[in-house]
Amino acid sequence: MSVRFLVGLPAALLAVGPVLGVIGTPVAQAAPAQYSCTAQTWGGDTLPTITVQAKTGTHQAKGEAQTQWGGTAKYATIVCTPA
């Protein structure tokens, strides 16, 4: 190895360091949106309207609502709209 290479290595690392720091920082994520959800039970009864929070959209809101209703809602009948 040449001495020039060893001398230039710390300088190269200092130059690339800030770039790697910018690449490694996480992007700020949007706050979760609120959705108002309605559904029916397997027997056809209407469940009370609930409000859930979901970061990724309507599909996640439906899953959150299904969980809050304790699995009593028929998934095909769940309708979530932005609140």
PDB file of N, CA and C in Angstrom:
ATOM      1  N   MET A   1       0.841  -1.182   0.000  1.00  0.00           N
ATOM      2  CA  MET A   1       0.000   0.000   0.000  1.00  0.00           C
ATOM      3  C   MET A   1       0.879   1.236   0.000  1.00  0.00           C
ATOM      4  N   SER A   2       0.395   2.163  -0.694  1.00  0.00           N
ATOM      5  CA  SER A   2       1.161   3.392  -0.783  1.00  0.00           C
ATOM      6  C   SER A   2       0.803   4.316   0.370  1.00  0.00           C
ATOM      7  N   VAL A   3       1.710   5.137   0.762  1.00  0.00           N
ATOM      8  CA  VAL A   3       1.507   6.075   1.851  1.00  0.00           C
ATOM      9  C   VAL A   3       0.492   7.131   1.431  1.00  0.00           C
ATOM     10  N   ARG A   4       0.454   7.504   0.174  1.00  0.00           N
ATOM     11  CA  ARG A   4      -0.498   8.500  -0.309  1.00  0.00           C
ATOM     12  C   ARG A   4      -1.929   8.014  -0.107  1.00  0.00           C
ATOM     13  N   PHE A   5      -2.148   6.741  -0.369  1.00  0.00           N
ATOM     14  CA  PHE A   5      -3.488   6.175  -0.190  1.00  0.00           C
ATOM     15  C   PHE A   5      -3.910   6.255   1.271  1.00  0.00           C
ATOM     16  N   LEU A   6      -3.045   5.906   2.185  1.00  0.00           N
ATOM     17  CA  LEU A   6      -3.359   5.936   3.605  1.00  0.00           C
ATOM     18  C   LEU A   6      -3.598   7.357   4.100  1.00  0.00           C
ATOM     19  N   VAL A   7      -2.933   8.324   3.542  1.00  0.00           N
ATOM     20  CA  VAL A   7      -3.115   9.713   3.940  1.00  0.00           C
ATOM     21  C   VAL A   7      -4.451  10.239   3.391  1.00  0.00           C
ATOM     22  N   GLY A   8      -4.812   9.840   2.189  1.00  0.00           N
ATOM     23  CA  GLY A   8      -6.042  10.321   1.553  1.00  0.00           C
ATOM     24  C   GLY A   8      -7.297   9.644   2.074  1.00  0.00           C
ATOM     25  N   LEU A   9      -7.167   8.486   2.689  1.00  0.00           N
ATOM     26  CA  LEU A   9      -8.332   7.744   3.170  1.00  0.00           C
ATOM     27  C   LEU A   9      -9.137   8.499   4.225  1.00  0.00           C
ATOM     28  N   PRO A  10      -8.532   9.064   5.271  1.00  0.00           N
ATOM     29  CA  PRO A  10      -9.337   9.813   6.245  1.00  0.00           C
ATOM     30  C   PRO A  10     -10.039  11.022   5.618  1.00  0.00           C
ATOM     31  N   ALA A  11      -9.388  11.686   4.687  1.00  0.00           N
ATOM     32  CA  ALA A  11     -10.010  12.835   4.026  1.00  0.00           C
ATOM     33  C   ALA A  11     -11.226  12.393   3.216  1.00  0.00           C
ATOM     34  N   ALA A  12     -11.128  11.253   2.548  1.00  0.00           N
ATOM     35  CA  ALA A  12     -12.251  10.742   1.763  1.00  0.00           C
ATOM     36  C   ALA A  12     -13.416  10.356   2.665  1.00  0.00           C
ATOM     37  N   LEU A  13     -13.119   9.767   3.800  1.00  0.00           N
ATOM     38  CA  LEU A  13     -14.172   9.390   4.737  1.00  0.00           C
ATOM     39  C   LEU A  13     -14.872  10.617   5.318  1.00  0.00           C
ATOM     40  N   LEU A  14     -14.111  11.668   5.571  1.00  0.00           N
ATOM     41  CA  LEU A  14     -14.706  12.907   6.074  1.00  0.00           C
ATOM     42  C   LEU A  14     -15.593  13.551   5.017  1.00  0.00           C
ATOM     43  N   ALA A  15     -15.233  13.430   3.761  1.00  0.00           N
ATOM     44  CA  ALA A  15     -16.021  14.032   2.685  1.00  0.00           C
ATOM     45  C   ALA A  15     -17.324  13.268   2.458  1.00  0.00           C
ATOM     46  N   VAL A  16     -17.294  11.958   2.616  1.00  0.00           N
ATOM     47  CA  VAL A  16     -18.466  11.126   2.356  1.00  0.00           C
ATOM     48  C   VAL A  16     -19.367  11.035   3.586  1.00  0.00           C
ATOM     49  N   GLY A  17     -18.864  11.288   4.754  1.00  0.00           N
ATOM     50  CA  GLY A  17     -19.623  11.160   6.002  1.00  0.00           C
ATOM     51  C   GLY A  17     -20.933  11.920   6.015  1.00  0.00           C
ATOM     52  N   PRO A  18     -20.949  13.215   5.685  1.00  0.00           N
ATOM     53  CA  PRO A  18     -22.223  13.945   5.696  1.00  0.00           C
ATOM     54  C   PRO A  18     -23.245  13.392   4.707  1.00  0.00           C
ATOM     55  N   VAL A  19     -22.782  12.914   3.576  1.00  0.00           N
ATOM     56  CA  VAL A  19     -23.698  12.344   2.585  1.00  0.00           C
ATOM     57  C   VAL A  19     -24.346  11.086   3.141  1.00  0.00           C
ATOM     58  N   LEU A  20     -23.572  10.243   3.767  1.00  0.00           N
ATOM     59  CA  LEU A  20     -24.124   9.024   4.360  1.00  0.00           C
ATOM     60  C   LEU A  20     -25.080   9.353   5.502  1.00  0.00           C
ATOM     61  N   GLY A  21     -24.797  10.427   6.230  1.00  0.00           N
ATOM     62  CA  GLY A  21     -25.687  10.845   7.312  1.00  0.00           C
ATOM     63  C   GLY A  21     -27.036  11.282   6.784  1.00  0.00           C
ATOM     64  N   VAL A  22     -27.062  11.971   5.648  1.00  0.00           N
ATOM     65  CA  VAL A  22     -28.326  12.413   5.050  1.00  0.00           C
ATOM     66  C   VAL A  22     -29.101  11.231   4.517  1.00  0.00           C
ATOM     67  N   ILE A  23     -28.407  10.284   3.914  1.00  0.00           N
ATOM     68  CA  ILE A  23     -29.077   9.106   3.364  1.00  0.00           C
ATOM     69  C   ILE A  23     -29.678   8.259   4.480  1.00  0.00           C
ATOM     70  N   GLY A  24     -29.016   8.180   5.614  1.00  0.00           N
ATOM     71  CA  GLY A  24     -29.469   7.322   6.698  1.00  0.00           C
ATOM     72  C   GLY A  24     -30.591   7.890   7.545  1.00  0.00           C
ATOM     73  N   THR A  25     -30.918   9.164   7.392  1.00  0.00           N
ATOM     74  CA  THR A  25     -31.962   9.749   8.239  1.00  0.00           C
ATOM     75  C   THR A  25     -33.338   9.333   7.736  1.00  0.00           C
ATOM     76  N   PRO A  26     -34.221   8.943   8.628  1.00  0.00           N
ATOM     77  CA  PRO A  26     -35.556   8.529   8.205  1.00  0.00           C
ATOM     78  C   PRO A  26     -36.391   9.726   7.754  1.00  0.00           C
ATOM     79  N   VAL A  27     -37.270   9.471   6.810  1.00  0.00           N
ATOM     80  CA  VAL A  27     -38.164  10.504   6.309  1.00  0.00           C
ATOM     81  C   VAL A  27     -39.329  10.639   7.293  1.00  0.00           C
ATOM     82  N   ALA A  28     -39.733  11.856   7.565  1.00  0.00           N
ATOM     83  CA  ALA A  28     -40.858  12.080   8.474  1.00  0.00           C
ATOM     84  C   ALA A  28     -42.130  11.497   7.860  1.00  0.00           C
ATOM     85  N   GLN A  29     -42.857  10.727   8.656  1.00  0.00           N
ATOM     86  CA  GLN A  29     -44.069  10.096   8.172  1.00  0.00           C
ATOM     87  C   GLN A  29     -45.273  10.951   8.528  1.00  0.00           C
ATOM     88  N   ALA A  30     -46.283  10.843   7.683  1.00  0.00           N
ATOM     89  CA  ALA A  30     -47.502  11.601   7.914  1.00  0.00           C
ATOM     90  C   ALA A  30     -48.245  11.052   9.130  1.00  0.00           C
ATOM     91  N   ALA A  31     -48.972  11.921   9.779  1.00  0.00           N
ATOM     92  CA  ALA A  31     -49.784  11.507  10.925  1.00  0.00           C
ATOM     93  C   ALA A  31     -50.902  10.596  10.438  1.00  0.00           C
ATOM     94  N   PRO A  32     -51.315   9.637  11.260  1.00  0.00           N
ATOM     95  CA  PRO A  32     -52.392   8.743  10.830  1.00  0.00           C
ATOM     96  C   PRO A  32     -53.699   9.501  10.616  1.00  0.00           C
ATOM     97  N   ALA A  33     -54.387   9.135   9.561  1.00  0.00           N
ATOM     98  CA  ALA A  33     -55.682   9.747   9.258  1.00  0.00           C
ATOM     99  C   ALA A  33     -56.776   9.039  10.049  1.00  0.00           C
ATOM    100  N   GLN A  34     -57.852   9.743  10.324  1.00  0.00           N
ATOM    101  CA  GLN A  34     -58.979   9.147  11.034  1.00  0.00           C
ATOM    102  C   GLN A  34     -60.044   8.740  10.025  1.00  0.00           C
ATOM    103  N   TYR A  35     -60.626   7.578  10.265  1.00  0.00           N
ATOM    104  CA  TYR A  35     -61.676   7.035   9.409  1.00  0.00           C
ATOM    105  C   TYR A  35     -62.891   6.697  10.265  1.00  0.00           C
ATOM    106  N   SER A  36     -64.047   6.946   9.718  1.00  0.00           N
ATOM    107  CA  SER A  36     -65.303   6.578  10.364  1.00  0.00           C
ATOM    108  C   SER A  36     -65.801   5.309   9.668  1.00  0.00           C
ATOM    109  N   CYS A  37     -66.042   4.258  10.438  1.00  0.00           N
ATOM    110  CA  CYS A  37     -66.365   2.955   9.853  1.00  0.00           C
ATOM    111  C   CYS A  37     -67.714   2.434  10.335  1.00  0.00           C
ATOM    112  N   THR A  38     -68.453   1.837   9.414  1.00  0.00           N
ATOM    113  CA  THR A  38     -69.719   1.170   9.711  1.00  0.00           C
ATOM    114  C   THR A  38     -69.664  -0.243   9.141  1.00  0.00           C
ATOM    115  N   ALA A  39     -70.503  -1.120   9.671  1.00  0.00           N
ATOM    116  CA  ALA A  39     -70.536  -2.504   9.183  1.00  0.00           C
ATOM    117  C   ALA A  39     -71.779  -3.207   9.712  1.00  0.00           C
ATOM    118  N   GLN A  40     -71.951  -4.437   9.250  1.00  0.00           N
ATOM    119  CA  GLN A  40     -73.035  -5.296   9.715  1.00  0.00           C
ATOM    120  C   GLN A  40     -72.440  -6.579  10.282  1.00  0.00           C
ATOM    121  N   THR A  41     -73.180  -7.177  11.200  1.00  0.00           N
ATOM    122  CA  THR A  41     -72.763  -8.467  11.755  1.00  0.00           C
ATOM    123  C   THR A  41     -73.073  -9.559  10.746  1.00  0.00           C
ATOM    124  N   TRP A  42     -72.646 -10.764  11.059  1.00  0.00           N
ATOM    125  CA  TRP A  42     -72.941 -11.901  10.196  1.00  0.00           C
ATOM    126  C   TRP A  42     -74.450 -12.172  10.146  1.00  0.00           C
ATOM    127  N   GLY A  43     -75.171 -11.733  11.174  1.00  0.00           N
ATOM    128  CA  GLY A  43     -76.615 -11.907  11.206  1.00  0.00           C
ATOM    129  C   GLY A  43     -77.377 -10.798  10.498  1.00  0.00           C
ATOM    130  N   GLY A  44     -76.678  -9.745  10.038  1.00  0.00           N
ATOM    131  CA  GLY A  44     -77.322  -8.659   9.327  1.00  0.00           C
ATOM    132  C   GLY A  44     -77.629  -7.437  10.181  1.00  0.00           C
ATOM    133  N   ASP A  45     -77.292  -7.480  11.462  1.00  0.00           N
ATOM    134  CA  ASP A  45     -77.534  -6.325  12.342  1.00  0.00           C
ATOM    135  C   ASP A  45     -76.473  -5.256  12.095  1.00  0.00           C
ATOM    136  N   THR A  46     -76.877  -4.001  12.225  1.00  0.00           N
ATOM    137  CA  THR A  46     -75.946  -2.897  12.045  1.00  0.00           C
ATOM    138  C   THR A  46     -75.142  -2.661  13.313  1.00  0.00           C
ATOM    139  N   LEU A  47     -73.821  -2.566  13.150  1.00  0.00           N
ATOM    140  CA  LEU A  47     -72.932  -2.288  14.287  1.00  0.00           C
ATOM    141  C   LEU A  47     -72.815  -0.783  14.482  1.00  0.00           C
ATOM    142  N   PRO A  48     -72.487  -0.339  15.703  1.00  0.00           N
ATOM    143  CA  PRO A  48     -72.316   1.101  15.931  1.00  0.00           C
ATOM    144  C   PRO A  48     -71.123   1.642  15.134  1.00  0.00           C
ATOM    145  N   THR A  49     -71.228   2.882  14.700  1.00  0.00           N
ATOM    146  CA  THR A  49     -70.146   3.534  13.962  1.00  0.00           C
ATOM    147  C   THR A  49     -68.973   3.784  14.900  1.00  0.00           C
ATOM    148  N   ILE A  50     -67.768   3.483  14.420  1.00  0.00           N
ATOM    149  CA  ILE A  50     -66.567   3.725  15.214  1.00  0.00           C
ATOM    150  C   ILE A  50     -65.585   4.560  14.400  1.00  0.00           C
ATOM    151  N   THR A  51     -64.662   5.196  15.103  1.00  0.00           N
ATOM    152  CA  THR A  51     -63.604   5.969  14.462  1.00  0.00           C
ATOM    153  C   THR A  51     -62.275   5.295  14.747  1.00  0.00           C
ATOM    154  N   VAL A  52     -61.498   5.072  13.679  1.00  0.00           N
ATOM    155  CA  VAL A  52     -60.191   4.426  13.807  1.00  0.00           C
ATOM    156  C   VAL A  52     -59.135   5.305  13.152  1.00  0.00           C
ATOM    157  N   GLN A  53     -57.879   5.049  13.496  1.00  0.00           N
ATOM    158  CA  GLN A  53     -56.758   5.748  12.877  1.00  0.00           C
ATOM    159  C   GLN A  53     -55.974   4.767  12.029  1.00  0.00           C
ATOM    160  N   ALA A  54     -55.599   5.189  10.827  1.00  0.00           N
ATOM    161  CA  ALA A  54     -54.826   4.342   9.929  1.00  0.00           C
ATOM    162  C   ALA A  54     -53.849   5.196   9.139  1.00  0.00           C
ATOM    163  N   LYS A  55     -52.600   4.767   9.065  1.00  0.00           N
ATOM    164  CA  LYS A  55     -51.574   5.519   8.337  1.00  0.00           C
ATOM    165  C   LYS A  55     -51.614   5.221   6.840  1.00  0.00           C
ATOM    166  N   THR A  56     -51.952   3.981   6.481  1.00  0.00           N
ATOM    167  CA  THR A  56     -51.776   3.575   5.093  1.00  0.00           C
ATOM    168  C   THR A  56     -53.050   3.565   4.260  1.00  0.00           C
ATOM    169  N   GLY A  57     -54.180   3.904   4.819  1.00  0.00           N
ATOM    170  CA  GLY A  57     -55.371   4.017   3.993  1.00  0.00           C
ATOM    171  C   GLY A  57     -56.565   3.217   4.467  1.00  0.00           C
ATOM    172  N   THR A  58     -57.520   3.105   3.563  1.00  0.00           N
ATOM    173  CA  THR A  58     -58.805   2.495   3.875  1.00  0.00           C
ATOM    174  C   THR A  58     -58.675   1.017   4.248  1.00  0.00           C
ATOM    175  N   HIS A  59     -57.820   0.299   3.559  1.00  0.00           N
ATOM    176  CA  HIS A  59     -57.670  -1.136   3.843  1.00  0.00           C
ATOM    177  C   HIS A  59     -57.214  -1.362   5.283  1.00  0.00           C
ATOM    178  N   GLN A  60     -56.243  -0.577   5.736  1.00  0.00           N
ATOM    179  CA  GLN A  60     -55.787  -0.695   7.117  1.00  0.00           C
ATOM    180  C   GLN A  60     -56.892  -0.277   8.082  1.00  0.00           C
ATOM    181  N   ALA A  61     -57.673   0.753   7.719  1.00  0.00           N
ATOM    182  CA  ALA A  61     -58.773   1.200   8.573  1.00  0.00           C
ATOM    183  C   ALA A  61     -59.806   0.089   8.742  1.00  0.00           C
ATOM    184  N   LYS A  62     -60.090  -0.644   7.674  1.00  0.00           N
ATOM    185  CA  LYS A  62     -61.040  -1.767   7.773  1.00  0.00           C
ATOM    186  C   LYS A  62     -60.527  -2.834   8.738  1.00  0.00           C
ATOM    187  N   GLY A  63     -59.245  -3.122   8.665  1.00  0.00           N
ATOM    188  CA  GLY A  63     -58.664  -4.111   9.578  1.00  0.00           C
ATOM    189  C   GLY A  63     -58.711  -3.653  11.023  1.00  0.00           C
ATOM    190  N   GLU A  64     -58.427  -2.378  11.251  1.00  0.00           N
ATOM    191  CA  GLU A  64     -58.497  -1.831  12.608  1.00  0.00           C
ATOM    192  C   GLU A  64     -59.933  -1.882  13.140  1.00  0.00           C
ATOM    193  N   ALA A  65     -60.893  -1.547  12.287  1.00  0.00           N
ATOM    194  CA  ALA A  65     -62.298  -1.577  12.699  1.00  0.00           C
ATOM    195  C   ALA A  65     -62.729  -3.002  13.015  1.00  0.00           C
ATOM    196  N   GLN A  66     -62.325  -3.947  12.187  1.00  0.00           N
ATOM    197  CA  GLN A  66     -62.671  -5.357  12.416  1.00  0.00           C
ATOM    198  C   GLN A  66     -62.147  -5.801  13.778  1.00  0.00           C
ATOM    199  N   THR A  67     -60.936  -5.371  14.121  1.00  0.00           N
ATOM    200  CA  THR A  67     -60.351  -5.721  15.409  1.00  0.00           C
ATOM    201  C   THR A  67     -61.130  -5.089  16.558  1.00  0.00           C
ATOM    202  N   GLN A  68     -61.505  -3.810  16.406  1.00  0.00           N
ATOM    203  CA  GLN A  68     -62.231  -3.134  17.485  1.00  0.00           C
ATOM    204  C   GLN A  68     -63.621  -3.733  17.697  1.00  0.00           C
ATOM    205  N   TRP A  69     -64.243  -4.218  16.641  1.00  0.00           N
ATOM    206  CA  TRP A  69     -65.549  -4.865  16.793  1.00  0.00           C
ATOM    207  C   TRP A  69     -65.415  -6.302  17.300  1.00  0.00           C
ATOM    208  N   GLY A  70     -64.213  -6.742  17.492  1.00  0.00           N
ATOM    209  CA  GLY A  70     -63.984  -8.075  18.055  1.00  0.00           C
ATOM    210  C   GLY A  70     -64.315  -9.206  17.102  1.00  0.00           C
ATOM    211  N   GLY A  71     -64.203  -8.954  15.801  1.00  0.00           N
ATOM    212  CA  GLY A  71     -64.460  -9.999  14.819  1.00  0.00           C
ATOM    213  C   GLY A  71     -65.924 -10.261  14.553  1.00  0.00           C
ATOM    214  N   THR A  72     -66.825  -9.443  15.100  1.00  0.00           N
ATOM    215  CA  THR A  72     -68.255  -9.677  14.888  1.00  0.00           C
ATOM    216  C   THR A  72     -68.748  -9.094  13.572  1.00  0.00           C
ATOM    217  N   ALA A  73     -67.947  -8.230  12.938  1.00  0.00           N
ATOM    218  CA  ALA A  73     -68.365  -7.607  11.677  1.00  0.00           C
ATOM    219  C   ALA A  73     -68.028  -8.498  10.495  1.00  0.00           C
ATOM    220  N   LYS A  74     -68.929  -8.546   9.540  1.00  0.00           N
ATOM    221  CA  LYS A  74     -68.661  -9.241   8.284  1.00  0.00           C
ATOM    222  C   LYS A  74     -67.770  -8.310   7.455  1.00  0.00           C
ATOM    223  N   TYR A  75     -66.566  -8.771   7.140  1.00  0.00           N
ATOM    224  CA  TYR A  75     -65.554  -7.895   6.521  1.00  0.00           C
ATOM    225  C   TYR A  75     -66.068  -7.244   5.234  1.00  0.00           C
ATOM    226  N   ALA A  76     -66.829  -7.954   4.449  1.00  0.00           N
ATOM    227  CA  ALA A  76     -67.325  -7.431   3.170  1.00  0.00           C
ATOM    228  C   ALA A  76     -68.279  -6.251   3.352  1.00  0.00           C
ATOM    229  N   THR A  77     -68.830  -6.095   4.556  1.00  0.00           N
ATOM    230  CA  THR A  77     -69.783  -5.008   4.784  1.00  0.00           C
ATOM    231  C   THR A  77     -69.145  -3.783   5.443  1.00  0.00           C
ATOM    232  N   ILE A  78     -67.872  -3.850   5.780  1.00  0.00           N
ATOM    233  CA  ILE A  78     -67.205  -2.721   6.431  1.00  0.00           C
ATOM    234  C   ILE A  78     -66.971  -1.617   5.411  1.00  0.00           C
ATOM    235  N   VAL A  79     -67.431  -0.414   5.746  1.00  0.00           N
ATOM    236  CA  VAL A  79     -67.212   0.768   4.906  1.00  0.00           C
ATOM    237  C   VAL A  79     -66.557   1.831   5.774  1.00  0.00           C
ATOM    238  N   CYS A  80     -65.365   2.255   5.366  1.00  0.00           N
ATOM    239  CA  CYS A  80     -64.628   3.289   6.091  1.00  0.00           C
ATOM    240  C   CYS A  80     -64.449   4.497   5.194  1.00  0.00           C
ATOM    241  N   THR A  81     -64.782   5.670   5.726  1.00  0.00           N
ATOM    242  CA  THR A  81     -64.613   6.919   5.007  1.00  0.00           C
ATOM    243  C   THR A  81     -63.783   7.870   5.867  1.00  0.00           C
ATOM    244  N   PRO A  82     -62.983   8.738   5.224  1.00  0.00           N
ATOM    245  CA  PRO A  82     -62.202   9.690   6.014  1.00  0.00           C
ATOM    246  C   PRO A  82     -63.104  10.553   6.885  1.00  0.00           C
ATOM    247  N   ALA A  83     -62.726  10.691   8.147  1.00  0.00           N
ATOM    248  CA  ALA A  83     -63.542  11.475   9.081  1.00  0.00           C
ATOM    249  C   ALA A  83     -63.147  12.929   9.078  1.00  0.00           C
TER     250      ALA A  83
END
